[in-house]
Protein backbone atom coordinates (compact mmCIF):
# COMPACT_ATOMS: atom_id res chain seq x y z
CA MET A 1 19.69 -8.08 16.53
CA THR A 2 16.05 -7.30 16.00
CA HIS A 3 15.44 -3.90 15.08
CA LEU A 4 11.78 -2.75 16.10
CA VAL A 5 10.42 0.78 15.47
CA PHE A 6 8.03 2.09 17.46
CA VAL A 7 5.72 4.62 16.16
CA ASP A 8 4.07 6.67 18.54
CA SER A 9 2.51 4.98 21.61
CA ASN A 10 0.14 5.66 24.45
CA PHE A 11 1.03 3.46 28.09
CA CYS A 12 1.30 -0.35 26.57
CA GLY A 13 3.75 0.84 23.52
CA ILE A 14 5.76 2.11 26.03
CA GLU A 15 5.86 -1.01 28.05
CA GLY A 16 6.06 -2.70 24.48
CA MET A 17 9.67 -0.86 24.12
CA ALA A 18 10.42 -1.90 27.61
CA ARG A 19 9.52 -5.09 26.85
CA ALA A 20 11.57 -5.52 23.57
CA GLN A 21 14.39 -3.59 25.68
CA ALA A 22 14.15 -6.73 28.33
CA LEU A 23 14.27 -9.18 25.72
CA GLY A 24 17.36 -7.81 23.99
CA HIS A 25 16.14 -6.38 20.75
CA GLN A 26 17.49 -2.84 19.82
CA TYR A 27 14.58 -0.76 18.75
CA SER A 28 13.89 3.16 18.23
CA ALA A 29 10.97 4.91 17.70
CA VAL A 30 9.51 7.63 15.76
CA MET A 31 7.15 9.71 18.43
CA SER A 32 4.64 12.71 17.42
CA GLN A 33 5.64 16.29 19.03
CA GLU A 34 1.41 16.53 19.09
CA LEU A 35 -0.22 13.30 20.82
CA VAL A 36 1.35 12.42 23.63
CA LEU A 37 -1.05 9.93 25.23
CA TYR A 38 1.19 8.49 27.62
CA HIS A 39 3.11 10.19 31.47
CA MET A 40 6.21 11.40 30.43
CA ASN A 41 7.40 10.08 33.41
CA ASP A 42 10.66 8.93 35.15
CA GLU A 43 10.08 5.09 33.50
CA THR A 44 9.20 6.27 29.93
CA ARG A 45 12.21 8.84 29.79
CA ARG A 46 14.31 5.44 30.40
CA VAL A 47 12.21 3.79 28.08
CA LEU A 48 13.29 5.99 25.07
CA ALA A 49 16.97 6.95 26.68
CA GLY A 50 17.42 2.96 25.75
CA ALA A 51 16.56 3.26 21.85
CA GLU A 52 18.97 3.33 19.61
CA ARG A 53 16.77 6.47 17.54
CA VAL A 54 14.02 8.45 18.75
CA LEU A 55 12.51 10.94 15.87
CA TRP A 56 9.90 13.86 17.20
CA ILE A 57 7.88 14.62 14.36
CA ASP A 58 4.86 17.24 14.33
CA ARG A 59 2.35 14.35 13.21
CA THR A 60 2.28 10.91 13.72
CA THR A 61 -0.77 10.73 11.11
CA ASP A 62 0.94 12.53 7.98
CA PRO A 63 2.37 9.32 6.09
CA PHE A 64 4.83 12.37 4.57
CA GLN A 65 6.19 12.80 7.77
CA LEU A 66 6.38 9.10 8.45
CA ALA A 67 8.28 7.99 5.97
CA GLY A 68 10.21 10.60 5.75
CA ALA A 69 11.46 9.75 9.82
CA LEU A 70 11.27 6.00 8.99
CA ARG A 71 13.22 6.77 5.87
CA GLN A 72 16.28 8.63 8.40
CA ILE A 73 16.09 5.11 10.45
CA LEU A 74 16.81 2.73 7.25
CA ALA A 75 19.59 5.41 6.15
CA GLU A 76 21.61 3.99 9.46
CA ARG A 77 20.27 -0.02 9.28
CA PRO A 78 18.01 -2.10 8.35
CA ILE A 79 13.92 -2.06 9.78
CA ASP A 80 13.23 -5.80 10.78
CA ALA A 81 9.46 -4.07 12.32
CA VAL A 82 6.97 -1.82 12.63
CA LEU A 83 4.71 -1.59 15.31
CA SER A 84 2.65 0.94 16.79
CA HIS A 85 -0.46 1.10 19.73
CA LEU A 86 -1.94 4.17 18.44
CA GLU A 87 -5.08 3.75 16.59
CA TYR A 88 -4.57 7.48 15.07
CA CYS A 89 -1.38 6.91 13.38
CA VAL A 90 -2.29 3.39 11.99
CA GLU A 91 -3.44 4.29 8.57
CA ALA A 92 -0.82 7.02 7.59
CA LEU A 93 1.72 4.28 8.59
CA SER A 94 0.57 1.58 6.61
CA GLN A 95 0.78 3.99 3.76
CA ALA A 96 4.37 5.07 4.44
CA CYS A 97 5.21 1.40 5.04
CA VAL A 98 3.59 0.50 1.51
CA GLU A 99 5.83 3.33 -0.11
CA LEU A 100 8.88 2.09 1.73
CA GLY A 101 8.58 -1.31 1.16
CA LEU A 102 8.01 -2.05 4.88
CA ARG A 103 5.83 -5.16 6.13
CA TYR A 104 3.17 -3.33 8.21
CA THR A 105 -0.83 -3.93 7.98
CA SER A 106 -2.77 -3.47 4.41
CA ALA A 107 -3.35 0.57 3.36
CA ALA A 108 -6.05 -1.39 1.51
CA GLY A 109 -7.33 -3.16 4.75
CA VAL A 110 -7.51 -0.03 6.91
CA ARG A 111 -8.91 2.00 4.74
CA LEU A 112 -11.50 -0.72 4.17
CA ALA A 113 -11.86 -1.44 7.88
CA ARG A 114 -12.90 2.46 8.43
CA ASN A 115 -15.34 2.92 5.64
């Protein structure tokens, strides 16, 4: 069974998790305690409760914190795909994925696009 990891999110990412669940995929989430761009309502709580694991970190814009969270998930099970619907954490996430050997958007490509 496919295991997806959603890293931080907005309402589209929450909907993505709900869709993954509806399709029978397993998913985990790494969420920021500081950057919340979605409504923490009953539906969001239900979607997060359906996750294999939800890790709350201070900042998903910090590649070291992200790598640590992803390492914890990897220690429990393989990660088939990493997704993020939040632009703020894409660069940090790309760096963390390079460090851990996970497929994701190119870190060099993200830096080039930003500059």
